[in-house]
């Protein structure tokens, strides 16, 4: 599973982990992704969506 939101395309970011001595190490920041049963083109499909898209109401969730 790619760590990318299928609605907005939000993915992994690269950032620096900075120590007290100002040493910089690369770290990866992952988005908060959830697997959701949603209605896509009139059919129920399981998609990977970030929580900000869920809160904004961009996803029509399927009733189980």
Protein backbone atom coordinates (compact mmCIF):
# COMPACT_ATOMS: atom_id res chain seq x y z
CA UNK A 1 0.00 0.00 0.00
CA UNK A 2 1.45 3.36 -1.01
CA UNK A 3 1.30 5.91 1.77
CA UNK A 4 -0.70 8.41 -0.27
CA UNK A 5 -4.24 9.75 0.19
CA UNK A 6 -6.41 8.78 -2.79
CA UNK A 7 -8.45 11.99 -2.53
CA UNK A 8 -5.93 14.83 -2.10
CA UNK A 9 -2.62 13.08 -2.84
CA UNK A 10 -1.05 13.86 0.52
CA UNK A 11 2.03 11.68 1.01
CA UNK A 12 5.28 11.23 2.92
CA UNK A 13 7.34 14.34 3.80
CA UNK A 14 11.08 14.44 4.46
CA UNK A 15 12.18 16.54 7.44
CA UNK A 16 15.17 17.02 9.69
CA UNK A 17 15.46 15.57 13.18
CA UNK A 18 17.53 18.26 14.96
CA UNK A 19 19.40 17.34 18.14
CA UNK A 20 20.49 19.68 20.95
CA UNK A 21 23.96 19.80 19.36
CA UNK A 22 22.27 20.88 16.08
CA UNK A 23 23.07 17.58 14.35
CA UNK A 24 20.58 17.00 11.55
CA UNK A 25 19.25 13.56 10.60
CA UNK A 26 16.69 12.91 7.90
CA UNK A 27 13.35 11.55 9.09
CA UNK A 28 10.13 10.66 7.31
CA UNK A 29 6.79 12.11 8.42
CA UNK A 30 3.81 9.99 7.44
CA UNK A 31 0.25 11.29 6.97
CA UNK A 32 -2.54 9.88 9.14
CA UNK A 33 -4.16 7.50 6.63
CA UNK A 34 -7.23 5.34 7.23
CA UNK A 35 -8.69 2.53 5.12
CA UNK A 36 -12.36 3.42 4.61
CA UNK A 37 -15.26 1.79 2.79
CA UNK A 38 -16.50 4.63 0.60
CA UNK A 39 -18.86 5.12 -2.32
CA UNK A 40 -16.83 5.76 -5.50
CA UNK A 41 -18.70 6.14 -8.81
CA UNK A 42 -21.81 4.59 -7.28
CA UNK A 43 -20.02 1.46 -6.01
CA UNK A 44 -18.62 0.57 -2.60
CA UNK A 45 -14.84 0.50 -2.65
CA UNK A 46 -12.15 0.38 0.05
CA UNK A 47 -9.84 3.39 -0.31
CA UNK A 48 -6.99 4.95 1.65
CA UNK A 49 -7.88 8.46 2.86
CA UNK A 50 -6.17 10.97 5.14
CA UNK A 51 -8.08 12.11 8.22
CA UNK A 52 -8.21 15.73 7.05
CA UNK A 53 -10.24 14.64 3.99
CA UNK A 54 -12.56 12.65 6.27
CA UNK A 55 -13.12 15.68 8.53
CA UNK A 56 -13.76 17.98 5.56
CA UNK A 57 -16.44 15.63 4.24
CA UNK A 58 -14.73 14.92 0.92
CA UNK A 59 -15.51 11.20 1.33
CA UNK A 60 -19.00 9.66 1.15
CA UNK A 61 -18.74 6.70 3.55
CA UNK A 62 -20.62 3.49 2.80
CA UNK A 63 -23.11 2.13 5.34
CA UNK A 64 -22.30 -1.43 6.36
